[in-house]
Amino acid sequence: MAAITLAELSVGVELSKGKTKVSRQGLVDEIVASIPIVDYDFSVARAHSQLLVAVRRQGRPRGAHDLIIAATALSSNRVVVTADQTAFVNLPGVATVFHR
């Protein structure tokens, strides 16, 4: 999992209250315990730059976090699992699985 994904999940926890917050924190803890966190390193940065160039050439910009997530998957030969069917479409070399 991209480190930025952990940040996004943690925002959801911090914005929650009461039982929802406890439940979300439990889910994040389970995810972190079972999926390795991939740092933004040299190989991710190179993949990120390639994806930035690709979307600029396509004329279809993407969110910064989405591109970092995609670059992390690309550089580590992983698949992006997402409910967002638009953010990761037509990114060269990025495999995706759409999940609701």
PDB file of N, CA and C in Angstrom:
ATOM      1  N   MET A   1       0.845  -1.165   0.000  1.00  0.00           N
ATOM      2  CA  MET A   1       0.000   0.000   0.000  1.00  0.00           C
ATOM      3  C   MET A   1       0.897   1.236   0.000  1.00  0.00           C
ATOM      4  N   ALA A   2       0.522   2.200  -0.798  1.00  0.00           N
ATOM      5  CA  ALA A   2       1.261   3.459  -0.825  1.00  0.00           C
ATOM      6  C   ALA A   2       1.124   4.167   0.515  1.00  0.00           C
ATOM      7  N   ALA A   3       2.207   4.774   0.959  1.00  0.00           N
ATOM      8  CA  ALA A   3       2.172   5.507   2.226  1.00  0.00           C
ATOM      9  C   ALA A   3       1.093   6.581   2.204  1.00  0.00           C
ATOM     10  N   ILE A   4       0.876   7.207   1.057  1.00  0.00           N
ATOM     11  CA  ILE A   4      -0.147   8.256   0.962  1.00  0.00           C
ATOM     12  C   ILE A   4      -1.540   7.680   1.188  1.00  0.00           C
ATOM     13  N   THR A   5      -1.738   6.411   0.860  1.00  0.00           N
ATOM     14  CA  THR A   5      -3.025   5.759   1.113  1.00  0.00           C
ATOM     15  C   THR A   5      -3.290   5.686   2.614  1.00  0.00           C
ATOM     16  N   LEU A   6      -2.256   5.387   3.375  1.00  0.00           N
ATOM     17  CA  LEU A   6      -2.399   5.378   4.833  1.00  0.00           C
ATOM     18  C   LEU A   6      -2.814   6.758   5.332  1.00  0.00           C
ATOM     19  N   ALA A   7      -2.231   7.797   4.761  1.00  0.00           N
ATOM     20  CA  ALA A   7      -2.615   9.160   5.154  1.00  0.00           C
ATOM     21  C   ALA A   7      -4.089   9.415   4.844  1.00  0.00           C
ATOM     22  N   GLU A   8      -4.540   8.996   3.668  1.00  0.00           N
ATOM     23  CA  GLU A   8      -5.938   9.212   3.302  1.00  0.00           C
ATOM     24  C   GLU A   8      -6.876   8.448   4.237  1.00  0.00           C
ATOM     25  N   LEU A   9      -6.535   7.202   4.543  1.00  0.00           N
ATOM     26  CA  LEU A   9      -7.352   6.424   5.469  1.00  0.00           C
ATOM     27  C   LEU A   9      -7.371   7.060   6.857  1.00  0.00           C
ATOM     28  N   SER A  10      -6.230   7.578   7.281  1.00  0.00           N
ATOM     29  CA  SER A  10      -6.127   8.204   8.600  1.00  0.00           C
ATOM     30  C   SER A  10      -6.944   9.482   8.703  1.00  0.00           C
ATOM     31  N   VAL A  11      -7.071  10.206   7.611  1.00  0.00           N
ATOM     32  CA  VAL A  11      -7.923  11.395   7.597  1.00  0.00           C
ATOM     33  C   VAL A  11      -9.366  10.993   7.889  1.00  0.00           C
ATOM     34  N   GLY A  12      -9.793   9.896   7.278  1.00  0.00           N
ATOM     35  CA  GLY A  12     -11.146   9.402   7.541  1.00  0.00           C
ATOM     36  C   GLY A  12     -11.362   9.059   9.003  1.00  0.00           C
ATOM     37  N   VAL A  13     -10.346   8.516   9.626  1.00  0.00           N
ATOM     38  CA  VAL A  13     -10.431   8.211  11.061  1.00  0.00           C
ATOM     39  C   VAL A  13     -10.532   9.505  11.855  1.00  0.00           C
ATOM     40  N   GLU A  14      -9.645  10.437  11.583  1.00  0.00           N
ATOM     41  CA  GLU A  14      -9.582  11.682  12.362  1.00  0.00           C
ATOM     42  C   GLU A  14     -10.837  12.536  12.214  1.00  0.00           C
ATOM     43  N   LEU A  15     -11.501  12.448  11.076  1.00  0.00           N
ATOM     44  CA  LEU A  15     -12.716  13.232  10.865  1.00  0.00           C
ATOM     45  C   LEU A  15     -13.951  12.578  11.498  1.00  0.00           C
ATOM     46  N   SER A  16     -13.812  11.342  11.946  1.00  0.00           N
ATOM     47  CA  SER A  16     -14.924  10.606  12.532  1.00  0.00           C
ATOM     48  C   SER A  16     -15.017  10.850  14.031  1.00  0.00           C
ATOM     49  N   LYS A  17     -16.156  10.432  14.588  1.00  0.00           N
ATOM     50  CA  LYS A  17     -16.382  10.563  16.026  1.00  0.00           C
ATOM     51  C   LYS A  17     -16.996   9.276  16.564  1.00  0.00           C
ATOM     52  N   GLY A  18     -16.822   9.067  17.840  1.00  0.00           N
ATOM     53  CA  GLY A  18     -17.498   7.986  18.540  1.00  0.00           C
ATOM     54  C   GLY A  18     -17.199   6.606  17.996  1.00  0.00           C
ATOM     55  N   LYS A  19     -18.258   5.794  17.860  1.00  0.00           N
ATOM     56  CA  LYS A  19     -18.124   4.420  17.417  1.00  0.00           C
ATOM     57  C   LYS A  19     -17.574   4.325  15.992  1.00  0.00           C
ATOM     58  N   THR A  20     -17.953   5.279  15.159  1.00  0.00           N
ATOM     59  CA  THR A  20     -17.455   5.275  13.780  1.00  0.00           C
ATOM     60  C   THR A  20     -15.946   5.442  13.763  1.00  0.00           C
ATOM     61  N   LYS A  21     -15.440   6.339  14.608  1.00  0.00           N
ATOM     62  CA  LYS A  21     -14.001   6.554  14.682  1.00  0.00           C
ATOM     63  C   LYS A  21     -13.285   5.288  15.154  1.00  0.00           C
ATOM     64  N   VAL A  22     -13.819   4.657  16.170  1.00  0.00           N
ATOM     65  CA  VAL A  22     -13.226   3.432  16.705  1.00  0.00           C
ATOM     66  C   VAL A  22     -13.229   2.343  15.635  1.00  0.00           C
ATOM     67  N   SER A  23     -14.342   2.214  14.932  1.00  0.00           N
ATOM     68  CA  SER A  23     -14.465   1.206  13.877  1.00  0.00           C
ATOM     69  C   SER A  23     -13.481   1.465  12.743  1.00  0.00           C
ATOM     70  N   ARG A  24     -13.410   2.716  12.309  1.00  0.00           N
ATOM     71  CA  ARG A  24     -12.479   3.053  11.220  1.00  0.00           C
ATOM     72  C   ARG A  24     -11.033   2.845  11.643  1.00  0.00           C
ATOM     73  N   GLN A  25     -10.713   3.205  12.872  1.00  0.00           N
ATOM     74  CA  GLN A  25      -9.337   3.003  13.347  1.00  0.00           C
ATOM     75  C   GLN A  25      -9.006   1.517  13.376  1.00  0.00           C
ATOM     76  N   GLY A  26      -9.956   0.708  13.795  1.00  0.00           N
ATOM     77  CA  GLY A  26      -9.748  -0.738  13.799  1.00  0.00           C
ATOM     78  C   GLY A  26      -9.474  -1.272  12.400  1.00  0.00           C
ATOM     79  N   LEU A  27     -10.220  -0.785  11.422  1.00  0.00           N
ATOM     80  CA  LEU A  27     -10.004  -1.207  10.038  1.00  0.00           C
ATOM     81  C   LEU A  27      -8.620  -0.790   9.556  1.00  0.00           C
ATOM     82  N   VAL A  28      -8.232   0.448   9.826  1.00  0.00           N
ATOM     83  CA  VAL A  28      -6.904   0.919   9.422  1.00  0.00           C
ATOM     84  C   VAL A  28      -5.823   0.081  10.091  1.00  0.00           C
ATOM     85  N   ASP A  29      -5.981  -0.217  11.350  1.00  0.00           N
ATOM     86  CA  ASP A  29      -5.000  -1.045  12.067  1.00  0.00           C
ATOM     87  C   ASP A  29      -4.882  -2.427  11.430  1.00  0.00           C
ATOM     88  N   GLU A  30      -6.008  -3.017  11.040  1.00  0.00           N
ATOM     89  CA  GLU A  30      -5.990  -4.325  10.373  1.00  0.00           C
ATOM     90  C   GLU A  30      -5.269  -4.255   9.030  1.00  0.00           C
ATOM     91  N   ILE A  31      -5.547  -3.214   8.285  1.00  0.00           N
ATOM     92  CA  ILE A  31      -4.916  -3.053   6.974  1.00  0.00           C
ATOM     93  C   ILE A  31      -3.409  -2.906   7.132  1.00  0.00           C
ATOM     94  N   VAL A  32      -2.991  -2.050   8.052  1.00  0.00           N
ATOM     95  CA  VAL A  32      -1.558  -1.813   8.266  1.00  0.00           C
ATOM     96  C   VAL A  32      -0.855  -3.083   8.735  1.00  0.00           C
ATOM     97  N   ALA A  33      -1.539  -3.894   9.512  1.00  0.00           N
ATOM     98  CA  ALA A  33      -0.945  -5.136  10.004  1.00  0.00           C
ATOM     99  C   ALA A  33      -0.813  -6.192   8.906  1.00  0.00           C
ATOM    100  N   SER A  34      -1.609  -6.065   7.851  1.00  0.00           N
ATOM    101  CA  SER A  34      -1.613  -7.122   6.837  1.00  0.00           C
ATOM    102  C   SER A  34      -1.028  -6.723   5.486  1.00  0.00           C
ATOM    103  N   ILE A  35      -0.872  -5.438   5.242  1.00  0.00           N
ATOM    104  CA  ILE A  35      -0.364  -4.980   3.942  1.00  0.00           C
ATOM    105  C   ILE A  35       0.865  -4.108   4.177  1.00  0.00           C
ATOM    106  N   PRO A  36       1.988  -4.437   3.529  1.00  0.00           N
ATOM    107  CA  PRO A  36       3.187  -3.611   3.700  1.00  0.00           C
ATOM    108  C   PRO A  36       2.976  -2.185   3.168  1.00  0.00           C
ATOM    109  N   ILE A  37       3.552  -1.222   3.864  1.00  0.00           N
ATOM    110  CA  ILE A  37       3.513   0.177   3.438  1.00  0.00           C
ATOM    111  C   ILE A  37       4.740   0.429   2.570  1.00  0.00           C
ATOM    112  N   VAL A  38       4.507   0.953   1.367  1.00  0.00           N
ATOM    113  CA  VAL A  38       5.596   1.238   0.436  1.00  0.00           C
ATOM    114  C   VAL A  38       5.898   2.727   0.489  1.00  0.00           C
ATOM    115  N   ASP A  39       7.138   3.057   0.826  1.00  0.00           N
ATOM    116  CA  ASP A  39       7.559   4.456   0.899  1.00  0.00           C
ATOM    117  C   ASP A  39       7.664   5.086  -0.486  1.00  0.00           C
ATOM    118  N   TYR A  40       7.592   6.409  -0.495  1.00  0.00           N
ATOM    119  CA  TYR A  40       7.849   7.169  -1.718  1.00  0.00           C
ATOM    120  C   TYR A  40       9.368   7.250  -1.854  1.00  0.00           C
ATOM    121  N   ASP A  41       9.910   6.368  -2.676  1.00  0.00           N
ATOM    122  CA  ASP A  41      11.361   6.304  -2.838  1.00  0.00           C
ATOM    123  C   ASP A  41      11.733   6.638  -4.284  1.00  0.00           C
ATOM    124  N   PHE A  42      12.979   6.369  -4.637  1.00  0.00           N
ATOM    125  CA  PHE A  42      13.476   6.712  -5.966  1.00  0.00           C
ATOM    126  C   PHE A  42      12.653   6.054  -7.071  1.00  0.00           C
ATOM    127  N   SER A  43      12.353   4.754  -6.933  1.00  0.00           N
ATOM    128  CA  SER A  43      11.632   4.065  -8.002  1.00  0.00           C
ATOM    129  C   SER A  43      10.191   4.567  -8.116  1.00  0.00           C
ATOM    130  N   VAL A  44       9.573   4.887  -6.993  1.00  0.00           N
ATOM    131  CA  VAL A  44       8.229   5.461  -7.035  1.00  0.00           C
ATOM    132  C   VAL A  44       8.287   6.847  -7.677  1.00  0.00           C
ATOM    133  N   ALA A  45       9.292   7.635  -7.331  1.00  0.00           N
ATOM    134  CA  ALA A  45       9.431   8.978  -7.912  1.00  0.00           C
ATOM    135  C   ALA A  45       9.598   8.911  -9.429  1.00  0.00           C
ATOM    136  N   ARG A  46      10.377   7.964  -9.901  1.00  0.00           N
ATOM    137  CA  ARG A  46      10.552   7.818 -11.365  1.00  0.00           C
ATOM    138  C   ARG A  46       9.239   7.419 -12.032  1.00  0.00           C
ATOM    139  N   ALA A  47       8.536   6.460 -11.447  1.00  0.00           N
ATOM    140  CA  ALA A  47       7.237   6.057 -12.001  1.00  0.00           C
ATOM    141  C   ALA A  47       6.251   7.222 -11.946  1.00  0.00           C
ATOM    142  N   HIS A  48       6.302   7.989 -10.872  1.00  0.00           N
ATOM    143  CA  HIS A  48       5.428   9.150 -10.714  1.00  0.00           C
ATOM    144  C   HIS A  48       5.691  10.159 -11.836  1.00  0.00           C
ATOM    145  N   SER A  49       6.945  10.427 -12.110  1.00  0.00           N
ATOM    146  CA  SER A  49       7.258  11.386 -13.171  1.00  0.00           C
ATOM    147  C   SER A  49       6.771  10.879 -14.525  1.00  0.00           C
ATOM    148  N   GLN A  50       6.910   9.584 -14.784  1.00  0.00           N
ATOM    149  CA  GLN A  50       6.429   9.011 -16.048  1.00  0.00           C
ATOM    150  C   GLN A  50       4.913   9.140 -16.168  1.00  0.00           C
ATOM    151  N   LEU A  51       4.206   8.909 -15.084  1.00  0.00           N
ATOM    152  CA  LEU A  51       2.750   9.040 -15.113  1.00  0.00           C
ATOM    153  C   LEU A  51       2.318  10.499 -15.253  1.00  0.00           C
ATOM    154  N   LEU A  52       3.044  11.410 -14.610  1.00  0.00           N
ATOM    155  CA  LEU A  52       2.737  12.836 -14.771  1.00  0.00           C
ATOM    156  C   LEU A  52       2.874  13.264 -16.226  1.00  0.00           C
ATOM    157  N   VAL A  53       3.922  12.802 -16.878  1.00  0.00           N
ATOM    158  CA  VAL A  53       4.124  13.115 -18.297  1.00  0.00           C
ATOM    159  C   VAL A  53       2.987  12.518 -19.129  1.00  0.00           C
ATOM    160  N   ALA A  54       2.634  11.274 -18.843  1.00  0.00           N
ATOM    161  CA  ALA A  54       1.571  10.609 -19.608  1.00  0.00           C
ATOM    162  C   ALA A  54       0.243  11.349 -19.504  1.00  0.00           C
ATOM    163  N   VAL A  55      -0.154  11.746 -18.295  1.00  0.00           N
ATOM    164  CA  VAL A  55      -1.456  12.418 -18.158  1.00  0.00           C
ATOM    165  C   VAL A  55      -1.422  13.832 -18.738  1.00  0.00           C
ATOM    166  N   ARG A  56      -0.276  14.468 -18.689  1.00  0.00           N
ATOM    167  CA  ARG A  56      -0.175  15.793 -19.328  1.00  0.00           C
ATOM    168  C   ARG A  56      -0.304  15.663 -20.837  1.00  0.00           C
ATOM    169  N   ARG A  57       0.322  14.650 -21.393  1.00  0.00           N
ATOM    170  CA  ARG A  57       0.214  14.422 -22.842  1.00  0.00           C
ATOM    171  C   ARG A  57      -1.206  14.025 -23.228  1.00  0.00           C
ATOM    172  N   GLN A  58      -1.892  13.321 -22.365  1.00  0.00           N
ATOM    173  CA  GLN A  58      -3.282  12.936 -22.618  1.00  0.00           C
ATOM    174  C   GLN A  58      -4.223  14.133 -22.469  1.00  0.00           C
ATOM    175  N   GLY A  59      -3.747  15.171 -21.778  1.00  0.00           N
ATOM    176  CA  GLY A  59      -4.612  16.315 -21.495  1.00  0.00           C
ATOM    177  C   GLY A  59      -5.674  15.976 -20.458  1.00  0.00           C
ATOM    178  N   ARG A  60      -5.373  15.011 -19.623  1.00  0.00           N
ATOM    179  CA  ARG A  60      -6.316  14.563 -18.601  1.00  0.00           C
ATOM    180  C   ARG A  60      -5.616  14.497 -17.247  1.00  0.00           C
ATOM    181  N   PRO A  61      -5.501  15.625 -16.557  1.00  0.00           N
ATOM    182  CA  PRO A  61      -4.810  15.635 -15.263  1.00  0.00           C
ATOM    183  C   PRO A  61      -5.510  14.750 -14.244  1.00  0.00           C
ATOM    184  N   ARG A  62      -4.750  14.305 -13.268  1.00  0.00           N
ATOM    185  CA  ARG A  62      -5.272  13.460 -12.189  1.00  0.00           C
ATOM    186  C   ARG A  62      -4.872  14.071 -10.858  1.00  0.00           C
ATOM    187  N   GLY A  63      -5.502  13.606  -9.820  1.00  0.00           N
ATOM    188  CA  GLY A  63      -5.172  14.061  -8.474  1.00  0.00           C
ATOM    189  C   GLY A  63      -3.769  13.629  -8.092  1.00  0.00           C
ATOM    190  N   ALA A  64      -3.081  14.471  -7.354  1.00  0.00           N
ATOM    191  CA  ALA A  64      -1.699  14.179  -6.951  1.00  0.00           C
ATOM    192  C   ALA A  64      -1.609  12.873  -6.159  1.00  0.00           C
ATOM    193  N   HIS A  65      -2.519  12.661  -5.232  1.00  0.00           N
ATOM    194  CA  HIS A  65      -2.473  11.439  -4.434  1.00  0.00           C
ATOM    195  C   HIS A  65      -2.741  10.214  -5.302  1.00  0.00           C
ATOM    196  N   ASP A  66      -3.683  10.341  -6.232  1.00  0.00           N
ATOM    197  CA  ASP A  66      -3.979   9.207  -7.116  1.00  0.00           C
ATOM    198  C   ASP A  66      -2.761   8.812  -7.937  1.00  0.00           C
ATOM    199  N   LEU A  67      -2.020   9.788  -8.427  1.00  0.00           N
ATOM    200  CA  LEU A  67      -0.829   9.466  -9.209  1.00  0.00           C
ATOM    201  C   LEU A  67       0.265   8.852  -8.353  1.00  0.00           C
ATOM    202  N   ILE A  68       0.381   9.272  -7.113  1.00  0.00           N
ATOM    203  CA  ILE A  68       1.364   8.656  -6.217  1.00  0.00           C
ATOM    204  C   ILE A  68       0.966   7.213  -5.920  1.00  0.00           C
ATOM    205  N   ILE A  69      -0.314   6.977  -5.716  1.00  0.00           N
ATOM    206  CA  ILE A  69      -0.789   5.613  -5.496  1.00  0.00           C
ATOM    207  C   ILE A  69      -0.502   4.762  -6.726  1.00  0.00           C
ATOM    208  N   ALA A  70      -0.803   5.280  -7.894  1.00  0.00           N
ATOM    209  CA  ALA A  70      -0.557   4.546  -9.139  1.00  0.00           C
ATOM    210  C   ALA A  70       0.937   4.297  -9.346  1.00  0.00           C
ATOM    211  N   ALA A  71       1.754   5.294  -9.060  1.00  0.00           N
ATOM    212  CA  ALA A  71       3.203   5.147  -9.217  1.00  0.00           C
ATOM    213  C   ALA A  71       3.758   4.105  -8.252  1.00  0.00           C
ATOM    214  N   THR A  72       3.217   4.062  -7.053  1.00  0.00           N
ATOM    215  CA  THR A  72       3.645   3.057  -6.077  1.00  0.00           C
ATOM    216  C   THR A  72       3.318   1.662  -6.599  1.00  0.00           C
ATOM    217  N   ALA A  73       2.118   1.491  -7.116  1.00  0.00           N
ATOM    218  CA  ALA A  73       1.726   0.191  -7.672  1.00  0.00           C
ATOM    219  C   ALA A  73       2.598  -0.171  -8.864  1.00  0.00           C
ATOM    220  N   LEU A  74       2.812   0.775  -9.750  1.00  0.00           N
ATOM    221  CA  LEU A  74       3.605   0.527 -10.951  1.00  0.00           C
ATOM    222  C   LEU A  74       5.037   0.133 -10.600  1.00  0.00           C
ATOM    223  N   SER A  75       5.653   0.853  -9.687  1.00  0.00           N
ATOM    224  CA  SER A  75       7.055   0.602  -9.364  1.00  0.00           C
ATOM    225  C   SER A  75       7.269  -0.679  -8.565  1.00  0.00           C
ATOM    226  N   SER A  76       6.217  -1.168  -7.926  1.00  0.00           N
ATOM    227  CA  SER A  76       6.360  -2.369  -7.102  1.00  0.00           C
ATOM    228  C   SER A  76       5.586  -3.569  -7.669  1.00  0.00           C
ATOM    229  N   ASN A  77       5.163  -3.437  -8.923  1.00  0.00           N
ATOM    230  CA  ASN A  77       4.427  -4.516  -9.603  1.00  0.00           C
ATOM    231  C   ASN A  77       3.204  -4.969  -8.818  1.00  0.00           C
ATOM    232  N   ARG A  78       2.455  -3.986  -8.344  1.00  0.00           N
ATOM    233  CA  ARG A  78       1.224  -4.279  -7.611  1.00  0.00           C
ATOM    234  C   ARG A  78       0.025  -3.772  -8.402  1.00  0.00           C
ATOM    235  N   VAL A  79      -1.150  -4.104  -7.925  1.00  0.00           N
ATOM    236  CA  VAL A  79      -2.405  -3.705  -8.557  1.00  0.00           C
ATOM    237  C   VAL A  79      -3.088  -2.668  -7.677  1.00  0.00           C
ATOM    238  N   VAL A  80      -3.668  -1.653  -8.298  1.00  0.00           N
ATOM    239  CA  VAL A  80      -4.455  -0.666  -7.567  1.00  0.00           C
ATOM    240  C   VAL A  80      -5.869  -1.225  -7.412  1.00  0.00           C
ATOM    241  N   VAL A  81      -6.324  -1.339  -6.178  1.00  0.00           N
ATOM    242  CA  VAL A  81      -7.701  -1.732  -5.903  1.00  0.00           C
ATOM    243  C   VAL A  81      -8.430  -0.456  -5.510  1.00  0.00           C
ATOM    244  N   THR A  82      -9.485  -0.120  -6.239  1.00  0.00           N
ATOM    245  CA  THR A  82     -10.135   1.166  -6.039  1.00  0.00           C
ATOM    246  C   THR A  82     -11.619   1.097  -6.350  1.00  0.00           C
ATOM    247  N   ALA A  83     -12.367   1.996  -5.759  1.00  0.00           N
ATOM    248  CA  ALA A  83     -13.775   2.169  -6.097  1.00  0.00           C
ATOM    249  C   ALA A  83     -13.941   3.305  -7.103  1.00  0.00           C
ATOM    250  N   ASP A  84     -12.882   4.063  -7.341  1.00  0.00           N
ATOM    251  CA  ASP A  84     -12.910   5.207  -8.254  1.00  0.00           C
ATOM    252  C   ASP A  84     -12.577   4.725  -9.665  1.00  0.00           C
ATOM    253  N   GLN A  85     -13.589   4.668 -10.507  1.00  0.00           N
ATOM    254  CA  GLN A  85     -13.387   4.121 -11.840  1.00  0.00           C
ATOM    255  C   GLN A  85     -12.799   5.118 -12.835  1.00  0.00           C
ATOM    256  N   THR A  86     -12.537   6.329 -12.415  1.00  0.00           N
ATOM    257  CA  THR A  86     -11.981   7.309 -13.345  1.00  0.00           C
ATOM    258  C   THR A  86     -10.534   7.697 -13.053  1.00  0.00           C
ATOM    259  N   ALA A  87     -10.120   7.665 -11.812  1.00  0.00           N
ATOM    260  CA  ALA A  87      -8.802   8.184 -11.436  1.00  0.00           C
ATOM    261  C   ALA A  87      -7.643   7.394 -12.019  1.00  0.00           C
ATOM    262  N   PHE A  88      -7.825   6.113 -12.258  1.00  0.00           N
ATOM    263  CA  PHE A  88      -6.705   5.263 -12.650  1.00  0.00           C
ATOM    264  C   PHE A  88      -6.834   4.714 -14.074  1.00  0.00           C
ATOM    265  N   VAL A  89      -7.813   5.203 -14.830  1.00  0.00           N
ATOM    266  CA  VAL A  89      -8.026   4.749 -16.198  1.00  0.00           C
ATOM    267  C   VAL A  89      -6.962   5.329 -17.121  1.00  0.00           C
ATOM    268  N   ASN A  90      -6.476   4.507 -18.028  1.00  0.00           N
ATOM    269  CA  ASN A  90      -5.507   4.924 -19.056  1.00  0.00           C
ATOM    270  C   ASN A  90      -4.182   5.413 -18.492  1.00  0.00           C
ATOM    271  N   LEU A  91      -3.770   4.841 -17.388  1.00  0.00           N
ATOM    272  CA  LEU A  91      -2.437   5.128 -16.867  1.00  0.00           C
ATOM    273  C   LEU A  91      -1.536   3.995 -17.351  1.00  0.00           C
ATOM    274  N   PRO A  92      -0.537   4.314 -18.162  1.00  0.00           N
ATOM    275  CA  PRO A  92       0.283   3.265 -18.774  1.00  0.00           C
ATOM    276  C   PRO A  92       0.976   2.369 -17.749  1.00  0.00           C
ATOM    277  N   GLY A  93       0.742   1.075 -17.902  1.00  0.00           N
ATOM    278  CA  GLY A  93       1.396   0.088 -17.062  1.00  0.00           C
ATOM    279  C   GLY A  93       0.753  -0.139 -15.711  1.00  0.00           C
ATOM    280  N   VAL A  94      -0.277   0.609 -15.378  1.00  0.00           N
ATOM    281  CA  VAL A  94      -0.916   0.501 -14.068  1.00  0.00           C
ATOM    282  C   VAL A  94      -2.108  -0.450 -14.161  1.00  0.00           C
ATOM    283  N   ALA A  95      -2.023  -1.547 -13.421  1.00  0.00           N
ATOM    284  CA  ALA A  95      -3.124  -2.505 -13.364  1.00  0.00           C
ATOM    285  C   ALA A  95      -4.098  -2.093 -12.275  1.00  0.00           C
ATOM    286  N   THR A  96      -5.382  -2.217 -12.576  1.00  0.00           N
ATOM    287  CA  THR A  96      -6.400  -1.825 -11.601  1.00  0.00           C
ATOM    288  C   THR A  96      -7.467  -2.902 -11.464  1.00  0.00           C
ATOM    289  N   VAL A  97      -8.038  -2.968 -10.292  1.00  0.00           N
ATOM    290  CA  VAL A  97      -9.205  -3.791 -10.014  1.00  0.00           C
ATOM    291  C   VAL A  97     -10.206  -2.859  -9.365  1.00  0.00           C
ATOM    292  N   PHE A  98     -11.402  -2.799  -9.936  1.00  0.00           N
ATOM    293  CA  PHE A  98     -12.428  -1.936  -9.378  1.00  0.00           C
ATOM    294  C   PHE A  98     -13.267  -2.729  -8.398  1.00  0.00           C
ATOM    295  N   HIS A  99     -13.419  -2.158  -7.195  1.00  0.00           N
ATOM    296  CA  HIS A  99     -14.131  -2.827  -6.111  1.00  0.00           C
ATOM    297  C   HIS A  99     -15.051  -1.824  -5.455  1.00  0.00           C
ATOM    298  N   ARG A 100     -16.271  -2.219  -5.216  1.00  0.00           N
ATOM    299  CA  ARG A 100     -17.217  -1.311  -4.544  1.00  0.00           C
ATOM    300  C   ARG A 100     -17.307  -1.599  -3.092  1.00  0.00           C
TER     301      ARG A 100
END
